[in-house]
Amino acid sequence: MKRLSVFRAGIAAGLLSFLGAIPAGASPYDPHADAQADIRQALVEAHAERKDVLVVFGADWCADCRVLDRALRAPAAAGLQKRFVVVKVDVGAFDRNVGFAQQYGIDLRRGIPAAALLSGNDRLVYATQAGELADARRMGVAAIVGFFTRAADRGATH
């Protein structure tokens, strides 16, 4: 009986530590969002503000996707925030919005997060092809900012 109580306490402690690692309300990839409408709205906004659109494909269960989300919102990423309108597209368990990724030449099986850079005129500027961001946890904010800056500079639109 005592062994079962210790086991339950261990499970409870593990669950609480896991839940503590996920900030409350942290859900950057909305499974109910209309990706097509969100991208269309971002393009309108980007065109008006002379920005590009950064479409990030990911899922809340993906640690690298959550790290990338935090990096894009970090103070050190202020330059990206001024340059891009960011849209996050939920891919679920690789069963949602896969067609949108394919439309930009992205094979999600290569890894998520994946990203496409679009001009405000809906021209594809850059798309990840080989899971370049799938190890975002090890990249750090500076490397992530550099990655998107270089990608955008290659296809500078504004």
N, C-alpha and C. Protein backbone atom coordinates (compact mmCIF):
# COMPACT_ATOMS: atom_id res chain seq x y z
N MET A 1 0.82 -1.19 0.00
CA MET A 1 0.00 0.00 0.00
C MET A 1 0.87 1.27 0.00
N LYS A 2 1.93 1.22 0.86
CA LYS A 2 2.81 2.37 0.92
C LYS A 2 3.54 2.57 -0.41
N ARG A 3 3.89 1.48 -1.06
CA ARG A 3 4.56 1.54 -2.36
C ARG A 3 3.67 2.24 -3.40
N LEU A 4 2.37 1.95 -3.39
CA LEU A 4 1.43 2.58 -4.31
C LEU A 4 1.33 4.08 -4.05
N SER A 5 1.34 4.48 -2.78
CA SER A 5 1.28 5.91 -2.44
C SER A 5 2.53 6.64 -2.93
N VAL A 6 3.68 6.02 -2.77
CA VAL A 6 4.93 6.63 -3.25
C VAL A 6 4.89 6.75 -4.77
N PHE A 7 4.40 5.72 -5.44
CA PHE A 7 4.27 5.75 -6.89
C PHE A 7 3.35 6.88 -7.34
N ARG A 8 2.19 6.99 -6.69
CA ARG A 8 1.24 8.06 -7.03
C ARG A 8 1.85 9.44 -6.79
N ALA A 9 2.56 9.58 -5.69
CA ALA A 9 3.20 10.87 -5.39
C ALA A 9 4.24 11.21 -6.46
N GLY A 10 4.97 10.20 -6.90
CA GLY A 10 5.96 10.42 -7.96
C GLY A 10 5.32 10.84 -9.26
N ILE A 11 4.23 10.18 -9.61
CA ILE A 11 3.49 10.54 -10.83
C ILE A 11 2.96 11.96 -10.72
N ALA A 12 2.37 12.30 -9.58
CA ALA A 12 1.82 13.64 -9.39
C ALA A 12 2.92 14.70 -9.48
N ALA A 13 4.06 14.44 -8.85
CA ALA A 13 5.17 15.40 -8.90
C ALA A 13 5.68 15.58 -10.33
N GLY A 14 5.79 14.48 -11.06
CA GLY A 14 6.23 14.56 -12.45
C GLY A 14 5.27 15.34 -13.31
N LEU A 15 3.98 15.09 -13.11
CA LEU A 15 2.96 15.80 -13.88
C LEU A 15 2.99 17.29 -13.56
N LEU A 16 3.11 17.63 -12.29
CA LEU A 16 3.15 19.04 -11.91
C LEU A 16 4.38 19.74 -12.47
N SER A 17 5.53 19.06 -12.45
CA SER A 17 6.72 19.70 -13.00
C SER A 17 6.59 19.88 -14.51
N PHE A 18 5.97 18.91 -15.19
CA PHE A 18 5.75 19.03 -16.63
C PHE A 18 4.81 20.20 -16.92
N LEU A 19 3.71 20.28 -16.19
CA LEU A 19 2.76 21.36 -16.42
C LEU A 19 3.36 22.71 -16.08
N GLY A 20 4.24 22.75 -15.11
CA GLY A 20 4.90 24.00 -14.75
C GLY A 20 5.83 24.49 -15.84
N ALA A 21 6.31 23.60 -16.67
CA ALA A 21 7.22 23.98 -17.75
C ALA A 21 6.49 24.62 -18.91
N ILE A 22 5.18 24.50 -18.95
CA ILE A 22 4.38 25.08 -20.01
C ILE A 22 3.64 26.29 -19.44
N PRO A 23 3.98 27.50 -19.87
CA PRO A 23 3.33 28.68 -19.33
C PRO A 23 1.83 28.65 -19.56
N ALA A 24 1.10 29.16 -18.57
CA ALA A 24 -0.36 29.21 -18.68
C ALA A 24 -0.75 30.05 -19.89
N GLY A 25 -1.70 29.57 -20.64
CA GLY A 25 -2.19 30.31 -21.79
C GLY A 25 -1.26 30.26 -22.99
N ALA A 26 -0.18 29.51 -22.87
CA ALA A 26 0.78 29.43 -23.98
C ALA A 26 0.27 28.45 -25.02
N SER A 27 -0.30 28.98 -26.06
CA SER A 27 -0.80 28.14 -27.14
C SER A 27 -0.62 28.90 -28.45
N PRO A 28 0.62 28.96 -28.93
CA PRO A 28 0.87 29.77 -30.13
C PRO A 28 0.24 29.22 -31.40
N TYR A 29 -0.02 27.92 -31.44
CA TYR A 29 -0.56 27.31 -32.66
C TYR A 29 -2.01 26.92 -32.41
N ASP A 30 -2.92 27.72 -32.89
CA ASP A 30 -4.35 27.53 -32.65
C ASP A 30 -4.93 26.50 -33.62
N PRO A 31 -5.37 25.35 -33.10
CA PRO A 31 -5.90 24.32 -34.00
C PRO A 31 -7.22 24.71 -34.66
N HIS A 32 -7.86 25.75 -34.14
CA HIS A 32 -9.15 26.17 -34.69
C HIS A 32 -9.03 27.37 -35.63
N ALA A 33 -7.82 27.88 -35.80
CA ALA A 33 -7.63 29.05 -36.67
C ALA A 33 -7.84 28.67 -38.13
N ASP A 34 -8.28 29.65 -38.89
CA ASP A 34 -8.45 29.49 -40.34
C ASP A 34 -7.16 29.98 -41.00
N ALA A 35 -6.27 29.06 -41.31
CA ALA A 35 -4.95 29.42 -41.83
C ALA A 35 -5.05 30.27 -43.09
N GLN A 36 -5.94 29.92 -43.98
CA GLN A 36 -6.07 30.68 -45.22
C GLN A 36 -6.47 32.12 -44.94
N ALA A 37 -7.45 32.32 -44.06
CA ALA A 37 -7.89 33.67 -43.71
C ALA A 37 -6.79 34.43 -42.98
N ASP A 38 -6.07 33.75 -42.09
CA ASP A 38 -4.99 34.40 -41.35
C ASP A 38 -3.87 34.85 -42.28
N ILE A 39 -3.52 34.02 -43.23
CA ILE A 39 -2.46 34.39 -44.18
C ILE A 39 -2.94 35.53 -45.07
N ARG A 40 -4.18 35.45 -45.52
CA ARG A 40 -4.73 36.52 -46.36
C ARG A 40 -4.71 37.86 -45.60
N GLN A 41 -5.13 37.85 -44.33
CA GLN A 41 -5.13 39.06 -43.52
C GLN A 41 -3.70 39.58 -43.30
N ALA A 42 -2.78 38.68 -43.07
CA ALA A 42 -1.38 39.08 -42.88
C ALA A 42 -0.82 39.72 -44.14
N LEU A 43 -1.20 39.20 -45.30
CA LEU A 43 -0.74 39.78 -46.57
C LEU A 43 -1.27 41.20 -46.76
N VAL A 44 -2.53 41.42 -46.39
CA VAL A 44 -3.11 42.76 -46.48
C VAL A 44 -2.35 43.72 -45.56
N GLU A 45 -2.15 43.28 -44.33
CA GLU A 45 -1.43 44.09 -43.35
C GLU A 45 0.01 44.36 -43.81
N ALA A 46 0.68 43.33 -44.28
CA ALA A 46 2.07 43.47 -44.72
C ALA A 46 2.18 44.42 -45.90
N HIS A 47 1.27 44.31 -46.85
CA HIS A 47 1.29 45.20 -48.01
C HIS A 47 1.13 46.65 -47.57
N ALA A 48 0.19 46.89 -46.66
CA ALA A 48 -0.07 48.25 -46.19
C ALA A 48 1.12 48.81 -45.40
N GLU A 49 1.81 47.95 -44.67
CA GLU A 49 2.91 48.39 -43.81
C GLU A 49 4.29 48.21 -44.45
N ARG A 50 4.30 47.78 -45.71
CA ARG A 50 5.54 47.52 -46.43
C ARG A 50 6.44 46.53 -45.68
N LYS A 51 5.82 45.44 -45.28
CA LYS A 51 6.52 44.37 -44.58
C LYS A 51 6.40 43.09 -45.40
N ASP A 52 7.09 42.07 -44.94
CA ASP A 52 6.94 40.73 -45.48
C ASP A 52 6.13 39.91 -44.49
N VAL A 53 5.72 38.73 -44.90
CA VAL A 53 4.95 37.83 -44.04
C VAL A 53 5.82 36.62 -43.73
N LEU A 54 5.88 36.28 -42.47
CA LEU A 54 6.57 35.07 -42.02
C LEU A 54 5.50 34.08 -41.58
N VAL A 55 5.36 33.01 -42.33
CA VAL A 55 4.39 31.95 -42.00
C VAL A 55 5.17 30.83 -41.33
N VAL A 56 4.81 30.54 -40.09
CA VAL A 56 5.50 29.49 -39.32
C VAL A 56 4.54 28.33 -39.14
N PHE A 57 4.95 27.17 -39.61
CA PHE A 57 4.16 25.94 -39.47
C PHE A 57 4.69 25.18 -38.26
N GLY A 58 3.79 24.85 -37.32
CA GLY A 58 4.22 24.14 -36.13
C GLY A 58 3.05 23.59 -35.36
N ALA A 59 3.31 23.20 -34.13
CA ALA A 59 2.28 22.62 -33.26
C ALA A 59 2.68 22.86 -31.81
N ASP A 60 1.68 22.98 -30.95
CA ASP A 60 1.95 23.22 -29.54
C ASP A 60 2.70 22.07 -28.87
N TRP A 61 2.54 20.86 -29.36
CA TRP A 61 3.24 19.72 -28.75
C TRP A 61 4.73 19.71 -29.06
N CYS A 62 5.15 20.52 -30.03
CA CYS A 62 6.53 20.53 -30.51
C CYS A 62 7.35 21.55 -29.70
N ALA A 63 8.32 21.06 -28.94
CA ALA A 63 9.15 21.94 -28.11
C ALA A 63 9.91 22.97 -28.95
N ASP A 64 10.44 22.56 -30.09
CA ASP A 64 11.17 23.51 -30.94
C ASP A 64 10.25 24.59 -31.49
N CYS A 65 8.99 24.24 -31.74
CA CYS A 65 8.02 25.23 -32.22
C CYS A 65 7.73 26.27 -31.14
N ARG A 66 7.60 25.82 -29.90
CA ARG A 66 7.35 26.75 -28.79
C ARG A 66 8.58 27.64 -28.56
N VAL A 67 9.77 27.07 -28.67
CA VAL A 67 11.00 27.85 -28.51
C VAL A 67 11.09 28.91 -29.61
N LEU A 68 10.79 28.53 -30.84
CA LEU A 68 10.82 29.48 -31.94
C LEU A 68 9.81 30.60 -31.70
N ASP A 69 8.63 30.26 -31.23
CA ASP A 69 7.61 31.27 -30.93
C ASP A 69 8.14 32.28 -29.91
N ARG A 70 8.73 31.79 -28.83
CA ARG A 70 9.28 32.69 -27.81
C ARG A 70 10.41 33.54 -28.39
N ALA A 71 11.25 32.94 -29.21
CA ALA A 71 12.37 33.68 -29.81
C ALA A 71 11.87 34.81 -30.70
N LEU A 72 10.83 34.56 -31.46
CA LEU A 72 10.30 35.59 -32.36
C LEU A 72 9.67 36.75 -31.60
N ARG A 73 9.27 36.51 -30.35
CA ARG A 73 8.66 37.56 -29.53
C ARG A 73 9.65 38.21 -28.57
N ALA A 74 10.88 37.72 -28.55
CA ALA A 74 11.89 38.22 -27.62
C ALA A 74 12.32 39.64 -27.99
N PRO A 75 12.72 40.44 -27.00
CA PRO A 75 13.21 41.80 -27.29
C PRO A 75 14.35 41.80 -28.31
N ALA A 76 15.19 40.78 -28.29
CA ALA A 76 16.30 40.70 -29.24
C ALA A 76 15.83 40.49 -30.67
N ALA A 77 14.57 40.15 -30.85
CA ALA A 77 14.01 39.93 -32.19
C ALA A 77 13.20 41.13 -32.66
N ALA A 78 13.40 42.28 -32.04
CA ALA A 78 12.62 43.47 -32.40
C ALA A 78 12.75 43.82 -33.88
N GLY A 79 13.92 43.59 -34.46
CA GLY A 79 14.11 43.86 -35.89
C GLY A 79 13.21 43.00 -36.76
N LEU A 80 13.04 41.74 -36.36
CA LEU A 80 12.14 40.85 -37.11
C LEU A 80 10.70 41.30 -36.95
N GLN A 81 10.35 41.73 -35.75
CA GLN A 81 8.98 42.16 -35.49
C GLN A 81 8.62 43.38 -36.33
N LYS A 82 9.61 44.21 -36.61
CA LYS A 82 9.38 45.39 -37.46
C LYS A 82 9.35 45.03 -38.93
N ARG A 83 9.97 43.91 -39.28
CA ARG A 83 10.12 43.54 -40.68
C ARG A 83 9.02 42.60 -41.18
N PHE A 84 8.45 41.79 -40.28
CA PHE A 84 7.50 40.75 -40.67
C PHE A 84 6.17 40.84 -39.94
N VAL A 85 5.13 40.45 -40.64
CA VAL A 85 3.86 40.11 -40.00
C VAL A 85 3.93 38.59 -39.85
N VAL A 86 3.81 38.10 -38.63
CA VAL A 86 3.99 36.68 -38.36
C VAL A 86 2.63 35.99 -38.27
N VAL A 87 2.52 34.86 -38.96
CA VAL A 87 1.33 34.01 -38.89
C VAL A 87 1.79 32.62 -38.47
N LYS A 88 1.15 32.09 -37.44
CA LYS A 88 1.47 30.73 -37.01
C LYS A 88 0.37 29.80 -37.48
N VAL A 89 0.75 28.73 -38.14
CA VAL A 89 -0.20 27.78 -38.70
C VAL A 89 -0.02 26.44 -38.00
N ASP A 90 -1.08 25.97 -37.37
CA ASP A 90 -1.05 24.69 -36.65
C ASP A 90 -1.10 23.53 -37.63
N VAL A 91 -0.17 22.58 -37.45
CA VAL A 91 -0.16 21.40 -38.31
C VAL A 91 -0.66 20.16 -37.58
N GLY A 92 -1.08 20.34 -36.32
CA GLY A 92 -1.59 19.21 -35.54
C GLY A 92 -0.56 18.10 -35.47
N ALA A 93 -1.01 16.89 -35.70
CA ALA A 93 -0.12 15.72 -35.74
C ALA A 93 0.20 15.43 -37.21
N PHE A 94 0.58 16.49 -37.92
CA PHE A 94 0.84 16.43 -39.36
C PHE A 94 -0.42 16.04 -40.13
N ASP A 95 -1.57 16.50 -39.59
CA ASP A 95 -2.85 16.20 -40.22
C ASP A 95 -3.69 17.46 -40.44
N ARG A 96 -3.09 18.64 -40.22
CA ARG A 96 -3.80 19.90 -40.43
C ARG A 96 -2.92 20.84 -41.26
N ASN A 97 -3.53 21.52 -42.17
CA ASN A 97 -2.88 22.58 -42.96
C ASN A 97 -1.62 22.12 -43.71
N VAL A 98 -1.53 20.84 -43.96
CA VAL A 98 -0.38 20.29 -44.69
C VAL A 98 -0.35 20.85 -46.11
N GLY A 99 -1.52 21.04 -46.71
CA GLY A 99 -1.60 21.58 -48.06
C GLY A 99 -1.02 22.97 -48.17
N PHE A 100 -1.19 23.80 -47.13
CA PHE A 100 -0.61 25.14 -47.16
C PHE A 100 0.91 25.06 -47.17
N ALA A 101 1.46 24.17 -46.37
CA ALA A 101 2.92 24.00 -46.36
C ALA A 101 3.39 23.53 -47.73
N GLN A 102 2.70 22.56 -48.30
CA GLN A 102 3.08 22.04 -49.62
C GLN A 102 2.98 23.13 -50.69
N GLN A 103 2.01 24.01 -50.54
CA GLN A 103 1.84 25.12 -51.49
C GLN A 103 3.11 25.98 -51.56
N TYR A 104 3.84 26.04 -50.44
CA TYR A 104 5.08 26.81 -50.40
C TYR A 104 6.32 25.93 -50.59
N GLY A 105 6.10 24.68 -50.98
CA GLY A 105 7.21 23.78 -51.24
C GLY A 105 7.83 23.18 -49.99
N ILE A 106 7.09 23.20 -48.88
CA ILE A 106 7.60 22.69 -47.62
C ILE A 106 7.08 21.28 -47.38
N ASP A 107 7.99 20.36 -47.12
CA ASP A 107 7.64 18.99 -46.76
C ASP A 107 7.76 18.89 -45.24
N LEU A 108 6.63 18.89 -44.55
CA LEU A 108 6.64 18.89 -43.09
C LEU A 108 7.30 17.66 -42.49
N ARG A 109 7.40 16.59 -43.27
CA ARG A 109 8.07 15.39 -42.76
C ARG A 109 9.55 15.63 -42.50
N ARG A 110 10.08 16.71 -43.07
CA ARG A 110 11.50 17.04 -42.87
C ARG A 110 11.73 17.70 -41.51
N GLY A 111 10.65 18.10 -40.84
CA GLY A 111 10.77 18.67 -39.50
C GLY A 111 10.00 19.96 -39.34
N ILE A 112 9.53 20.15 -38.11
CA ILE A 112 8.89 21.41 -37.73
C ILE A 112 9.64 21.96 -36.52
N PRO A 113 9.61 23.26 -36.35
CA PRO A 113 8.89 24.23 -37.14
C PRO A 113 9.48 24.38 -38.54
N ALA A 114 8.62 24.78 -39.44
CA ALA A 114 9.01 25.09 -40.81
C ALA A 114 8.48 26.49 -41.11
N ALA A 115 9.05 27.15 -42.09
CA ALA A 115 8.64 28.53 -42.33
C ALA A 115 8.69 28.89 -43.81
N ALA A 116 7.83 29.84 -44.16
CA ALA A 116 7.83 30.43 -45.50
C ALA A 116 7.83 31.94 -45.33
N LEU A 117 8.66 32.62 -46.10
CA LEU A 117 8.67 34.08 -46.14
C LEU A 117 7.98 34.51 -47.42
N LEU A 118 7.00 35.38 -47.27
CA LEU A 118 6.26 35.89 -48.41
C LEU A 118 6.40 37.39 -48.48
N SER A 119 6.47 37.92 -49.68
CA SER A 119 6.43 39.37 -49.82
C SER A 119 5.00 39.83 -49.54
N GLY A 120 4.83 41.12 -49.32
CA GLY A 120 3.49 41.66 -49.12
C GLY A 120 2.61 41.48 -50.34
N ASN A 121 3.24 41.14 -51.48
CA ASN A 121 2.50 40.88 -52.72
C ASN A 121 2.29 39.39 -52.94
N ASP A 122 2.48 38.59 -51.90
CA ASP A 122 2.25 37.14 -51.92
C ASP A 122 3.22 36.40 -52.84
N ARG A 123 4.45 36.90 -52.94
CA ARG A 123 5.49 36.20 -53.68
C ARG A 123 6.34 35.42 -52.68
N LEU A 124 6.60 34.15 -52.97
CA LEU A 124 7.43 33.34 -52.09
C LEU A 124 8.87 33.85 -52.16
N VAL A 125 9.40 34.26 -51.04
CA VAL A 125 10.76 34.77 -50.94
C VAL A 125 11.71 33.65 -50.52
N TYR A 126 11.26 32.83 -49.57
CA TYR A 126 12.09 31.75 -49.04
C TYR A 126 11.20 30.74 -48.33
N ALA A 127 11.57 29.49 -48.36
CA ALA A 127 10.88 28.45 -47.59
C ALA A 127 11.90 27.44 -47.10
N THR A 128 11.73 27.00 -45.87
CA THR A 128 12.62 25.95 -45.37
C THR A 128 12.36 24.68 -46.17
N GLN A 129 13.42 23.94 -46.40
CA GLN A 129 13.32 22.74 -47.22
C GLN A 129 13.75 21.47 -46.51
N ALA A 130 14.58 21.61 -45.49
CA ALA A 130 15.19 20.42 -44.90
C ALA A 130 15.20 20.44 -43.38
N GLY A 131 14.15 20.97 -42.78
CA GLY A 131 14.10 20.98 -41.32
C GLY A 131 15.10 21.93 -40.68
N GLU A 132 15.39 23.04 -41.33
CA GLU A 132 16.40 23.98 -40.85
C GLU A 132 16.12 24.52 -39.46
N LEU A 133 14.86 24.57 -39.07
CA LEU A 133 14.49 25.11 -37.76
C LEU A 133 14.10 24.02 -36.76
N ALA A 134 14.21 22.78 -37.16
CA ALA A 134 13.75 21.67 -36.32
C ALA A 134 14.58 21.48 -35.06
N ASP A 135 15.66 22.23 -34.93
CA ASP A 135 16.48 22.18 -33.73
C ASP A 135 16.56 23.57 -33.11
N ALA A 136 15.46 24.29 -33.13
CA ALA A 136 15.42 25.67 -32.62
C ALA A 136 15.86 25.76 -31.17
N ARG A 137 15.66 24.70 -30.40
CA ARG A 137 16.06 24.71 -28.98
C ARG A 137 17.55 24.96 -28.83
N ARG A 138 18.33 24.53 -29.78
CA ARG A 138 19.79 24.69 -29.68
C ARG A 138 20.29 25.93 -30.42
N MET A 139 19.44 26.57 -31.18
CA MET A 139 19.88 27.71 -31.99
C MET A 139 20.07 28.98 -31.17
N GLY A 140 19.15 29.28 -30.30
CA GLY A 140 19.19 30.53 -29.56
C GLY A 140 18.58 31.67 -30.36
N VAL A 141 18.20 32.72 -29.66
CA VAL A 141 17.50 33.85 -30.29
C VAL A 141 18.36 34.51 -31.37
N ALA A 142 19.64 34.76 -31.08
CA ALA A 142 20.50 35.45 -32.05
C ALA A 142 20.61 34.66 -33.35
N ALA A 143 20.76 33.35 -33.26
CA ALA A 143 20.88 32.53 -34.47
C ALA A 143 19.56 32.50 -35.24
N ILE A 144 18.45 32.47 -34.52
CA ILE A 144 17.14 32.48 -35.18
C ILE A 144 16.92 33.80 -35.90
N VAL A 145 17.24 34.90 -35.23
CA VAL A 145 17.12 36.22 -35.87
C VAL A 145 18.02 36.28 -37.10
N GLY A 146 19.24 35.81 -36.98
CA GLY A 146 20.16 35.80 -38.12
C GLY A 146 19.65 34.95 -39.27
N PHE A 147 19.08 33.81 -38.95
CA PHE A 147 18.54 32.91 -39.97
C PHE A 147 17.48 33.62 -40.80
N PHE A 148 16.50 34.23 -40.13
CA PHE A 148 15.41 34.89 -40.87
C PHE A 148 15.88 36.17 -41.56
N THR A 149 16.81 36.87 -40.97
CA THR A 149 17.35 38.08 -41.60
C THR A 149 18.05 37.72 -42.90
N ARG A 150 18.90 36.69 -42.86
CA ARG A 150 19.61 36.27 -44.09
C ARG A 150 18.62 35.77 -45.14
N ALA A 151 17.63 35.01 -44.72
CA ALA A 151 16.65 34.48 -45.68
C ALA A 151 15.89 35.62 -46.35
N ALA A 152 15.49 36.61 -45.57
CA ALA A 152 14.75 37.74 -46.13
C ALA A 152 15.64 38.61 -47.01
N ASP A 153 16.89 38.79 -46.61
CA ASP A 153 17.81 39.61 -47.40
C ASP A 153 18.09 39.00 -48.77
N ARG A 154 18.08 37.68 -48.85
CA ARG A 154 18.31 37.01 -50.14
C ARG A 154 17.21 37.35 -51.14
N GLY A 155 16.03 37.58 -50.64
CA GLY A 155 14.91 37.88 -51.54
C GLY A 155 14.30 39.23 -51.23
N ALA A 156 15.13 40.19 -50.82
CA ALA A 156 14.65 41.50 -50.37
C ALA A 156 13.55 42.04 -51.28
N THR A 157 12.45 42.43 -50.63
CA THR A 157 11.29 42.89 -51.38
C THR A 157 10.96 44.35 -51.10
N HIS A 158 11.47 44.89 -50.03
CA HIS A 158 11.14 46.28 -49.67
C HIS A 158 12.41 47.05 -49.44
